[in-house]
Amino acid sequence: MRRITIALITALSLPLAMATPAGAVGLDDAFAKLLVKQVKGPNVKKHLEALQAIATANGGTRAAGTPGYNASRDYVAGRLRKAGYKVTLQPINYVESWSENAPPTLALTAPGSKSYVPNEDFYSFQPSPAGDVTAQVQGVDLTLPPAPSPSSNSGCEESAFAGFVPGRIALIQRGTCAFAQKIRNAGRAGAAGIIVFNEGQPGRTDAFPLDIGEWRADVPMVFADFAVGNELASTPGATVRLKVDSKLVLGTNDNVIAESRFGDPRHVVMTGAHLDSVTAGPGINDDGSGTASILEVAEEMAHFPVKNKVRFAFWAAEEIGLLGSDQYVEALSEAERDRIRVYLNFDMVASPNYAYKLYDGDNSDNVGSPAGPPGSAEIERQLQAFYASRHLPTVGTDFDGRSDYGPFIAVGIPSGGIFTGAEGIKTAEEAALFGGTAGAAYDACYHQACDTMANINDTALDVDADAIADSIARYAFNLRSIPSRTAAGAAPQVAKTAT
């Protein structure tokens, strides 16, 4: 019956869409209405119940590297294959364990000689791979003397390494972007080793132990105090020996990627949610709610004759550093990135003390991170229009880099999505708009064992699943509001970890 209905709407809507002027009702509107009607809150909850059962059978968790994650992967992949999608399991790596066999070495070998004190002047960057290299140091876009406040952009952009000589040791200053971002860029530039040193302002001078959660460069790397970095930077032709004696064990999990059978592959509408939980609990709101919602949407629109290719992603290892989405984006060629016209992210969409928060694509809230790449504002407005059609308010939420949109924004892909709140506190103004309890967390069970089926707000889940269906269906047929990726340019990088 469903296929007959879809065929009938296609037959009736296509001539209308071709004959009416721009702005009139077309296929995007017709199919969005149909998909919203088909997507049901109780069906989304059935997927949540399946994820809860998986967690219960596997020690109460679905975290990366556990049998609970693998079972979650198999459940989602099986449902998608049954619906008719082409499903790909993309292996990604995460740090399973790291340990040091001996203290690290950092020593100036020319001109002159000087040894720095391990675990005082500098520390191994956890999880640095083992390595022993002697090479000339090359500073990367350093700000010396340091500015009065943290502002260094050293190593934050690939362009900063334009004159870097492969085989040298990159000397990078702490600053305004994530450590992992600096290290990734240095690795791509061919650095044989990496020294990151503290920026130099009061409170940002000493070295200290630091776990960045991901390795992202297969070379030895250390974190040094400002005095060490400043000395090496001011020594012409400085050559050092850098050694890390460690044991790094990598584990493997899989992203689940599904593509529609129909649609132009030159224009990809991509949506994602992370499939893993934290170790402490089953992750039913975070992010079973997003996973279950887009899985239900995928099943219901499997036979839609979409104009643009639709790609569904279920990310691995988000909770330990956005590793699944990060490695996915990193593996794409520039042409493949340009084909992704929009990325829609749904992470926590059924918080018990919810607010309808939309990622602030145009930075109209003027809070935190800047606007998203061109097209992000249009995504926000389209989502706003859906809630407005139901006389529901929305508020903005910052692109703070805490979820899987981060790697997409970093390469200029317009992004947007829905978030109902995590450990943050609901304001009195939000309680007046959405109900619930002011002064309490949006999700008191965030990253805890109590993030179970009892932690879901049915109203938020039902409304947000409909909003997800509406946005995906509309972009599946109409991308006119989204600028071409080749003309859009890249947005400012978004930090994902502490700087």
Protein backbone atom coordinates (compact mmCIF):
# COMPACT_ATOMS: atom_id res chain seq x y z
CA MET A 1 0.00 0.00 0.00
CA ARG A 2 2.82 2.40 0.91
CA ARG A 3 4.52 1.99 -2.49
CA ILE A 4 1.20 2.59 -4.25
CA THR A 5 0.70 5.79 -2.25
CA ILE A 6 4.20 7.02 -3.09
CA ALA A 7 3.71 6.24 -6.76
CA LEU A 8 0.38 8.07 -6.78
CA ILE A 9 1.86 11.18 -5.13
CA THR A 10 4.74 11.13 -7.60
CA ALA A 11 2.36 10.88 -10.55
CA LEU A 12 0.18 13.72 -9.25
CA SER A 13 2.94 15.98 -7.95
CA LEU A 14 5.48 15.82 -10.75
CA PRO A 15 3.35 17.60 -13.38
CA LEU A 16 2.36 20.15 -10.73
CA ALA A 17 5.94 20.78 -9.74
CA MET A 18 6.95 21.25 -13.38
CA ALA A 19 4.02 23.50 -14.24
CA THR A 20 3.87 25.82 -11.23
CA PRO A 21 6.21 28.76 -10.54
CA ALA A 22 9.06 28.61 -8.07
CA GLY A 23 7.84 28.65 -4.49
CA ALA A 24 4.66 26.70 -5.24
CA VAL A 25 3.95 23.34 -3.64
CA GLY A 26 6.14 20.68 -5.23
CA LEU A 27 7.58 17.25 -4.65
CA ASP A 28 9.56 18.34 -1.60
CA ASP A 29 6.42 19.52 0.16
CA ALA A 30 4.31 16.53 -0.91
CA PHE A 31 6.85 13.94 0.15
CA ALA A 32 7.71 15.77 3.37
CA LYS A 33 4.05 15.66 4.40
CA LEU A 34 3.84 11.98 3.49
CA LEU A 35 7.00 11.03 5.37
CA VAL A 36 6.01 12.97 8.49
CA LYS A 37 2.70 11.12 8.47
CA GLN A 38 4.44 7.75 8.13
CA VAL A 39 7.06 8.28 10.84
CA LYS A 40 5.50 7.28 14.15
CA GLY A 41 6.78 7.88 17.66
CA PRO A 42 5.84 4.35 18.81
CA ASN A 43 7.93 2.88 15.98
CA VAL A 44 10.90 5.00 17.01
CA LYS A 45 10.46 3.69 20.55
CA LYS A 46 10.58 0.11 19.27
CA HIS A 47 14.10 0.81 18.02
CA LEU A 48 14.96 2.31 21.40
CA GLU A 49 13.64 -0.80 23.12
CA ALA A 50 15.87 -2.92 20.89
CA LEU A 51 18.92 -0.80 21.82
CA GLN A 52 17.99 -1.06 25.50
CA ALA A 53 17.72 -4.84 25.20
CA ILE A 54 21.14 -4.96 23.53
CA ALA A 55 22.69 -2.93 26.35
CA THR A 56 20.98 -5.04 29.02
CA ALA A 57 22.35 -8.21 27.44
CA ASN A 58 25.87 -6.76 27.26
CA GLY A 59 26.72 -5.40 30.69
CA GLY A 60 24.53 -2.32 30.50
CA THR A 61 26.50 -0.51 27.82
CA ARG A 62 26.86 -0.01 24.07
CA ALA A 63 30.21 1.81 24.27
CA ALA A 64 32.90 1.68 21.60
CA GLY A 65 34.95 -1.49 21.80
CA THR A 66 32.27 -3.52 23.59
CA PRO A 67 30.03 -6.37 22.43
CA GLY A 68 27.11 -3.99 23.03
CA TYR A 69 28.39 -1.68 20.31
CA ASN A 70 28.85 -4.53 17.85
CA ALA A 71 25.33 -5.78 18.54
CA SER A 72 23.97 -2.24 18.02
CA ARG A 73 25.85 -2.04 14.72
CA ASP A 74 24.43 -5.37 13.57
CA TYR A 75 20.89 -4.36 14.54
CA VAL A 76 21.00 -1.08 12.61
CA ALA A 77 22.79 -2.55 9.59
CA GLY A 78 20.32 -5.44 9.45
CA ARG A 79 17.27 -3.16 9.53
CA LEU A 80 18.72 -0.96 6.79
CA ARG A 81 19.59 -3.89 4.54
CA LYS A 82 16.12 -5.31 5.01
CA ALA A 83 14.67 -1.95 3.97
CA GLY A 84 16.65 -2.12 0.73
CA TYR A 85 19.61 0.17 1.36
CA LYS A 86 23.16 -0.38 0.24
CA VAL A 87 24.96 -0.64 3.59
CA THR A 88 28.69 -0.16 4.16
CA LEU A 89 30.55 -0.91 7.38
CA GLN A 90 33.49 1.50 7.53
CA PRO A 91 36.22 0.44 9.99
CA ILE A 92 37.57 3.21 12.22
CA ASN A 93 40.30 3.09 14.84
CA TYR A 94 40.25 4.12 18.46
CA VAL A 95 42.78 3.89 21.28
CA GLU A 96 42.24 0.66 23.14
CA SER A 97 45.18 1.12 25.52
CA TRP A 98 48.34 3.20 25.94
CA SER A 99 51.24 2.92 28.34
CA GLU A 100 54.81 4.20 28.64
CA ASN A 101 57.71 1.80 28.98
CA ALA A 102 60.16 4.54 29.96
CA PRO A 103 60.19 8.34 30.33
CA PRO A 104 60.41 10.32 27.07
CA THR A 105 63.53 12.10 25.77
CA LEU A 106 63.81 15.66 24.47
CA ALA A 107 67.32 16.98 23.97
CA LEU A 108 68.92 19.77 21.94
CA THR A 109 71.77 18.23 19.90
CA ALA A 110 72.79 21.25 17.79
CA PRO A 111 73.87 23.96 18.13
CA GLY A 112 75.29 22.91 21.48
CA SER A 113 73.59 20.33 23.65
CA LYS A 114 70.96 20.41 26.38
CA SER A 115 68.63 17.80 27.86
CA TYR A 116 65.19 18.75 29.10
CA VAL A 117 63.68 17.06 32.16
CA PRO A 118 60.96 14.50 31.35
CA ASN A 119 57.68 14.77 33.26
CA GLU A 120 58.68 18.27 34.35
CA ASP A 121 59.79 20.33 31.34
CA PHE A 122 57.76 18.16 28.98
CA TYR A 123 55.47 15.10 28.91
CA SER A 124 54.58 12.49 26.33
CA PHE A 125 51.32 13.36 24.65
CA GLN A 126 49.01 10.48 25.52
CA PRO A 127 48.52 8.49 23.30
CA SER A 128 51.72 9.17 21.37
CA PRO A 129 53.05 6.29 19.27
CA ALA A 130 56.58 5.10 20.00
CA GLY A 131 59.34 6.75 18.02
CA ASP A 132 62.92 7.98 18.14
CA VAL A 133 63.89 10.79 15.76
CA THR A 134 66.66 13.38 15.53
CA ALA A 135 65.85 16.27 13.20
CA GLN A 136 65.78 20.02 12.81
CA VAL A 137 62.91 21.86 14.51
CA GLN A 138 60.65 24.13 12.47
CA GLY A 139 58.23 26.54 14.13
CA VAL A 140 54.70 26.74 12.73
CA ASP A 141 53.04 30.17 12.76
CA LEU A 142 54.23 31.00 16.28
CA THR A 143 53.19 34.12 18.24
CA LEU A 144 56.32 35.14 20.18
CA PRO A 145 56.28 36.91 22.47
CA PRO A 146 52.79 35.63 23.27
CA ALA A 147 49.77 37.93 23.06
CA PRO A 148 48.25 39.15 26.35
CA SER A 149 45.36 36.68 26.00
CA PRO A 150 45.17 33.23 24.35
CA SER A 151 44.98 33.80 20.61
CA SER A 152 47.63 31.74 18.85
CA ASN A 153 46.46 30.01 15.67
CA SER A 154 49.64 27.95 15.42
CA GLY A 155 48.99 24.73 13.51
CA CYS A 156 45.23 25.21 13.41
CA GLU A 157 45.02 25.40 9.62
CA GLU A 158 46.60 23.17 6.99
CA SER A 159 47.75 26.37 5.27
CA ALA A 160 50.01 27.11 8.27
CA PHE A 161 52.23 24.25 7.09
CA ALA A 162 52.62 25.55 3.52
CA GLY A 163 56.37 26.07 3.97
CA PHE A 164 56.98 23.15 6.28
CA VAL A 165 59.82 20.83 5.28
CA PRO A 166 58.77 17.15 5.55
CA GLY A 167 61.00 15.20 7.88
CA ARG A 168 61.48 18.04 10.35
CA ILE A 169 60.04 18.18 13.86
CA ALA A 170 57.05 20.54 14.02
CA LEU A 171 57.16 23.08 16.86
CA ILE A 172 53.61 24.22 17.56
CA GLN A 173 52.21 26.65 20.12
CA ARG A 174 49.13 25.98 22.20
CA GLY A 175 46.27 28.30 21.26
CA THR A 176 42.74 28.59 19.96
CA CYS A 177 42.01 25.18 18.44
CA ALA A 178 42.09 21.57 19.59
CA PHE A 179 45.41 19.86 20.22
CA ALA A 180 44.24 16.97 18.04
CA GLN A 181 43.65 19.38 15.15
CA LYS A 182 47.19 20.74 15.36
CA ILE A 183 48.64 17.23 15.51
CA ARG A 184 46.55 16.03 12.59
CA ASN A 185 47.72 18.91 10.42
CA ALA A 186 51.36 18.33 11.38
CA GLY A 187 51.08 14.66 10.49
CA ARG A 188 49.60 15.51 7.09
CA ALA A 189 52.48 17.93 6.47
CA GLY A 190 55.04 15.16 6.92
CA ALA A 191 56.39 16.02 10.37
CA ALA A 192 58.78 13.39 11.74
CA GLY A 193 57.89 14.39 15.32
CA ILE A 194 55.73 16.97 17.07
CA ILE A 195 56.42 19.31 19.99
CA VAL A 196 53.46 21.36 21.22
CA PHE A 197 54.38 23.92 23.87
CA ASN A 198 52.20 25.99 26.19
CA GLU A 199 51.20 29.41 24.90
CA GLY A 200 52.92 31.63 27.46
CA GLN A 201 50.25 33.70 29.24
CA PRO A 202 49.88 33.51 33.04
CA GLY A 203 48.37 30.12 33.81
CA ARG A 204 49.46 28.80 30.39
CA THR A 205 53.20 28.32 30.87
CA ASP A 206 53.82 24.90 32.45
CA ALA A 207 53.75 21.48 30.86
CA PHE A 208 51.44 18.84 32.31
CA PRO A 209 50.19 15.32 31.51
CA LEU A 210 47.68 15.46 28.70
CA ASP A 211 45.47 12.81 27.08
CA ILE A 212 44.06 14.07 23.78
CA GLY A 213 42.05 10.88 23.28
CA GLU A 214 43.23 10.22 19.72
CA TRP A 215 46.63 9.81 18.16
CA ARG A 216 46.05 11.19 14.63
CA ALA A 217 49.75 11.14 13.70
CA ASP A 218 52.07 8.15 13.57
CA VAL A 219 55.07 10.02 15.00
CA PRO A 220 56.35 10.70 18.53
CA MET A 221 54.80 13.77 20.15
CA VAL A 222 55.26 15.65 23.40
CA PHE A 223 53.76 18.60 25.27
CA ALA A 224 56.38 21.04 26.60
CA ASP A 225 56.31 24.13 28.78
CA PHE A 226 56.55 27.62 27.28
CA ALA A 227 60.20 28.07 28.24
CA VAL A 228 61.24 24.98 26.24
CA GLY A 229 59.25 25.99 23.18
CA ASN A 230 60.45 29.59 23.31
CA GLU A 231 64.09 28.47 23.62
CA LEU A 232 63.86 26.09 20.66
CA ALA A 233 62.06 28.69 18.56
CA SER A 234 64.76 31.29 19.26
CA THR A 235 67.68 28.96 18.51
CA PRO A 236 68.55 29.16 14.77
CA GLY A 237 68.84 25.73 13.20
CA ALA A 238 67.89 23.95 16.43
CA THR A 239 68.12 20.17 16.08
CA VAL A 240 66.69 17.89 18.74
CA ARG A 241 66.35 14.26 19.61
CA LEU A 242 62.75 13.35 20.39
CA LYS A 243 61.97 9.88 21.73
CA VAL A 244 58.79 8.34 23.10
CA ASP A 245 58.92 4.74 24.38
CA SER A 246 55.29 3.66 24.55
CA LYS A 247 52.88 0.89 23.70
CA LEU A 248 49.82 1.99 21.73
CA VAL A 249 47.11 -0.58 21.01
CA LEU A 250 44.38 0.40 18.55
CA GLY A 251 40.93 -1.13 18.45
CA THR A 252 38.50 -1.16 15.53
CA ASN A 253 34.80 -0.39 15.35
CA ASP A 254 32.57 0.27 12.35
CA ASN A 255 30.57 3.23 11.17
CA VAL A 256 27.32 2.12 9.53
CA ILE A 257 26.68 4.02 6.29
CA ALA A 258 23.54 3.51 4.18
CA GLU A 259 22.64 5.14 0.86
CA SER A 260 19.34 5.48 -0.93
CA ARG A 261 18.89 3.47 -4.11
CA PHE A 262 17.60 6.54 -5.89
CA GLY A 263 18.96 10.06 -6.24
CA ASP A 264 21.73 12.00 -7.96
CA PRO A 265 25.08 11.01 -6.39
CA ARG A 266 26.48 14.44 -7.27
CA HIS A 267 24.13 15.94 -4.68
CA VAL A 268 24.18 14.11 -1.35
CA VAL A 269 21.92 14.85 1.59
CA MET A 270 23.61 13.34 4.62
CA THR A 271 22.26 12.80 8.11
CA GLY A 272 23.88 11.20 11.12
CA ALA A 273 23.64 10.17 14.75
CA HIS A 274 26.19 8.44 16.94
CA LEU A 275 25.58 4.79 17.67
CA ASP A 276 27.83 4.36 20.72
CA SER A 277 27.01 5.08 24.34
CA VAL A 278 29.38 5.93 27.17
CA THR A 279 30.75 3.01 29.16
CA ALA A 280 28.61 3.90 32.18
CA GLY A 281 25.23 3.28 30.61
CA PRO A 282 23.03 2.19 27.69
CA GLY A 283 22.79 5.65 26.10
CA ILE A 284 19.08 5.59 25.26
CA ASN A 285 18.69 9.35 25.02
CA ASP A 286 22.39 9.90 24.21
CA ASP A 287 22.20 8.97 21.43
CA GLY A 288 19.74 6.14 21.04
CA SER A 289 17.11 8.84 20.44
CA GLY A 290 18.90 10.23 17.38
CA THR A 291 19.82 6.77 16.14
CA ALA A 292 16.28 5.42 16.44
CA SER A 293 14.77 8.51 14.84
CA ILE A 294 16.87 8.49 11.69
CA LEU A 295 16.59 4.70 11.45
CA GLU A 296 12.79 5.01 11.45
CA VAL A 297 13.00 7.78 8.85
CA ALA A 298 15.29 5.65 6.69
CA GLU A 299 12.93 2.68 6.81
CA GLU A 300 9.89 4.76 5.94
CA MET A 301 11.50 6.59 3.02
CA ALA A 302 13.35 3.59 1.57
CA HIS A 303 11.19 3.56 -1.56
CA PHE A 304 10.89 7.30 -2.09
CA PRO A 305 12.01 8.28 -5.63
CA VAL A 306 14.29 10.98 -4.25
CA LYS A 307 15.95 13.53 -6.52
CA ASN A 308 19.15 13.76 -4.45
CA LYS A 309 21.09 10.87 -2.97
CA VAL A 310 20.32 10.42 0.73
CA ARG A 311 23.04 9.02 3.00
CA PHE A 312 22.42 7.87 6.59
CA ALA A 313 25.36 7.57 8.98
CA PHE A 314 25.49 5.87 12.37
CA TRP A 315 28.79 6.92 13.90
CA ALA A 316 31.17 4.85 15.99
CA ALA A 317 33.22 6.20 18.91
CA GLU A 318 31.65 9.65 19.17
CA GLU A 319 31.87 9.55 22.93
CA ILE A 320 35.66 9.23 22.88
CA GLY A 321 36.42 12.07 20.46
CA LEU A 322 34.06 12.10 17.44
CA LEU A 323 36.33 9.45 15.96
CA GLY A 324 33.80 7.87 13.59
CA SER A 325 32.71 11.09 11.90
CA ASP A 326 36.22 12.54 12.01
CA GLN A 327 37.82 9.59 10.26
CA TYR A 328 34.94 9.40 7.78
CA VAL A 329 35.40 13.03 6.71
CA GLU A 330 39.19 12.72 6.68
CA ALA A 331 38.96 9.79 4.25
CA LEU A 332 36.85 11.74 1.74
CA SER A 333 38.48 13.31 -1.28
CA GLU A 334 37.80 16.99 -1.93
CA ALA A 335 35.39 16.03 -4.71
CA GLU A 336 33.53 13.64 -2.40
CA ARG A 337 33.25 16.37 0.24
CA ASP A 338 31.88 18.79 -2.34
CA ARG A 339 29.10 16.35 -3.23
CA ILE A 340 27.78 16.44 0.35
CA ARG A 341 25.46 19.44 0.10
CA VAL A 342 24.11 19.33 3.67
CA TYR A 343 24.86 17.43 6.86
CA LEU A 344 22.06 17.07 9.44
CA ASN A 345 23.05 15.94 12.94
CA PHE A 346 20.68 14.53 15.56
CA ASP A 347 22.29 13.93 18.95
CA MET A 348 19.94 13.74 21.98
CA VAL A 349 16.44 14.58 20.73
CA ALA A 350 14.29 13.26 23.61
CA SER A 351 15.75 14.74 26.80
CA PRO A 352 13.34 14.43 29.76
CA ASN A 353 13.47 18.17 30.61
CA TYR A 354 13.71 19.13 26.95
CA ALA A 355 13.98 22.32 24.98
CA TYR A 356 13.72 22.43 21.19
CA LYS A 357 17.20 23.69 20.34
CA LEU A 358 18.38 24.21 16.75
CA TYR A 359 22.04 24.60 15.85
CA ASP A 360 22.66 28.31 15.35
CA GLY A 361 23.72 28.26 11.70
CA ASP A 362 23.72 32.04 11.27
CA ASN A 363 25.17 32.88 14.71
CA SER A 364 22.17 35.11 15.37
CA ASP A 365 22.51 34.25 19.07
CA ASN A 366 26.06 35.64 18.97
CA VAL A 367 27.22 33.04 21.50
CA GLY A 368 30.41 31.00 21.36
CA SER A 369 31.47 29.66 17.97
CA PRO A 370 30.89 31.59 14.74
CA ALA A 371 28.24 30.83 12.11
CA GLY A 372 28.40 27.56 10.26
CA PRO A 373 29.48 27.28 6.62
CA PRO A 374 27.26 28.99 4.00
CA GLY A 375 23.96 27.11 3.87
CA SER A 376 23.87 26.42 7.63
CA ALA A 377 21.60 29.41 8.24
CA GLU A 378 19.17 28.06 5.65
CA ILE A 379 19.10 24.69 7.40
CA GLU A 380 18.27 26.38 10.69
CA ARG A 381 15.47 28.39 9.05
CA GLN A 382 13.96 25.31 7.43
CA LEU A 383 13.85 23.51 10.78
CA GLN A 384 12.36 26.62 12.41
CA ALA A 385 9.63 26.63 9.80
CA PHE A 386 8.59 23.09 10.74
CA TYR A 387 8.23 23.91 14.44
CA ALA A 388 6.45 27.15 13.60
CA SER A 389 3.95 25.18 11.51
CA ARG A 390 3.01 23.40 14.74
CA HIS A 391 3.05 26.63 16.76
CA LEU A 392 6.07 25.40 18.71
CA PRO A 393 8.94 27.69 19.80
CA THR A 394 12.62 26.98 19.27
CA VAL A 395 15.85 28.44 20.63
CA GLY A 396 19.38 28.39 19.24
CA THR A 397 22.25 26.24 20.42
CA ASP A 398 25.89 26.94 19.68
CA PHE A 399 28.05 25.00 17.23
CA ASP A 400 30.39 24.16 20.13
CA GLY A 401 31.99 21.13 18.47
CA ARG A 402 30.62 18.57 20.92
CA SER A 403 28.96 16.36 18.32
CA ASP A 404 29.50 14.85 14.91
CA TYR A 405 28.77 17.97 12.90
CA GLY A 406 32.24 19.23 13.95
CA PRO A 407 34.30 17.47 11.26
CA PHE A 408 31.78 18.49 8.57
CA ILE A 409 31.85 22.16 9.55
CA ALA A 410 35.65 22.04 9.63
CA VAL A 411 35.72 21.31 5.87
CA GLY A 412 32.99 23.78 4.95
CA ILE A 413 29.96 21.49 4.66
CA PRO A 414 26.76 23.31 5.72
CA SER A 415 25.27 21.68 8.78
CA GLY A 416 22.36 21.85 11.16
CA GLY A 417 20.24 19.76 13.45
CA ILE A 418 18.26 19.39 16.65
CA PHE A 419 19.38 19.09 20.28
CA THR A 420 17.14 18.87 23.36
CA GLY A 421 19.85 19.46 25.96
CA ALA A 422 22.35 17.49 28.02
CA GLU A 423 23.86 18.33 31.41
CA GLY A 424 23.17 22.07 31.02
CA ILE A 425 20.58 23.81 33.18
CA LYS A 426 17.18 24.84 31.84
CA THR A 427 16.51 28.56 32.23
CA ALA A 428 13.30 30.14 33.48
CA GLU A 429 12.76 31.58 30.00
CA GLU A 430 13.05 28.10 28.47
CA ALA A 431 10.68 26.63 31.05
CA ALA A 432 8.15 29.30 30.06
CA LEU A 433 8.53 28.30 26.40
CA PHE A 434 8.72 24.51 26.67
CA GLY A 435 7.43 23.59 30.11
CA GLY A 436 9.49 21.41 32.40
CA THR A 437 11.61 22.46 35.35
CA ALA A 438 13.73 25.61 35.43
CA GLY A 439 17.00 25.29 37.31
CA ALA A 440 17.28 21.56 36.56
CA ALA A 441 19.36 19.73 33.98
CA TYR A 442 17.81 19.00 30.60
CA ASP A 443 18.95 15.42 31.14
CA ALA A 444 19.87 14.53 34.72
CA CYS A 445 20.95 11.07 33.51
CA TYR A 446 23.41 12.40 30.93
CA HIS A 447 26.35 9.95 30.65
CA GLN A 448 25.00 7.83 33.51
CA ALA A 449 23.61 4.33 34.00
CA CYS A 450 20.11 5.79 34.34
CA ASP A 451 20.00 6.87 30.67
CA THR A 452 17.48 4.10 29.99
CA MET A 453 14.03 3.87 28.43
CA ALA A 454 12.72 5.66 31.53
CA ASN A 455 14.83 8.70 30.54
CA ILE A 456 12.93 9.46 27.31
CA ASN A 457 10.35 12.22 26.88
CA ASP A 458 7.76 10.82 24.48
CA THR A 459 6.49 14.22 23.34
CA ALA A 460 9.93 15.49 22.39
CA LEU A 461 10.77 12.19 20.68
CA ASP A 462 7.60 12.25 18.58
CA VAL A 463 7.87 15.91 17.55
CA ASP A 464 11.58 15.73 16.81
CA ALA A 465 11.25 12.54 14.76
CA ASP A 466 8.70 14.38 12.63
CA ALA A 467 11.01 17.37 12.28
CA ILE A 468 13.83 15.04 11.22
CA ALA A 469 11.58 13.41 8.64
CA ASP A 470 10.45 16.78 7.31
CA SER A 471 13.98 18.16 6.89
CA ILE A 472 15.44 15.05 5.26
CA ALA A 473 12.53 14.69 2.84
CA ARG A 474 12.63 18.33 1.78
CA TYR A 475 16.36 18.29 1.04
CA ALA A 476 16.01 14.93 -0.70
CA PHE A 477 13.96 16.74 -3.36
CA ASN A 478 15.04 20.38 -3.16
CA LEU A 479 18.49 21.86 -2.49
CA ARG A 480 17.87 25.21 -4.16
CA SER A 481 18.46 27.15 -0.92
CA ILE A 482 21.88 25.55 -0.34
CA PRO A 483 24.87 27.11 -2.14
CA SER A 484 27.14 24.99 -4.26
CA ARG A 485 29.94 23.44 -2.19
CA THR A 486 32.61 24.64 -4.62
CA ALA A 487 31.46 28.21 -4.07
CA ALA A 488 30.68 27.93 -0.39
CA GLY A 489 34.22 27.95 0.96
CA ALA A 490 35.30 26.61 4.31
CA ALA A 491 34.07 27.82 7.66
CA PRO A 492 36.27 28.46 10.69
CA GLN A 493 37.51 25.33 12.37
CA VAL A 494 35.56 24.12 15.42
CA ALA A 495 37.48 22.83 18.44
CA LYS A 496 36.53 19.37 19.63
CA THR A 497 38.75 18.96 22.65
CA ALA A 498 40.43 21.18 25.22
CA THR A 499 42.89 23.78 23.94
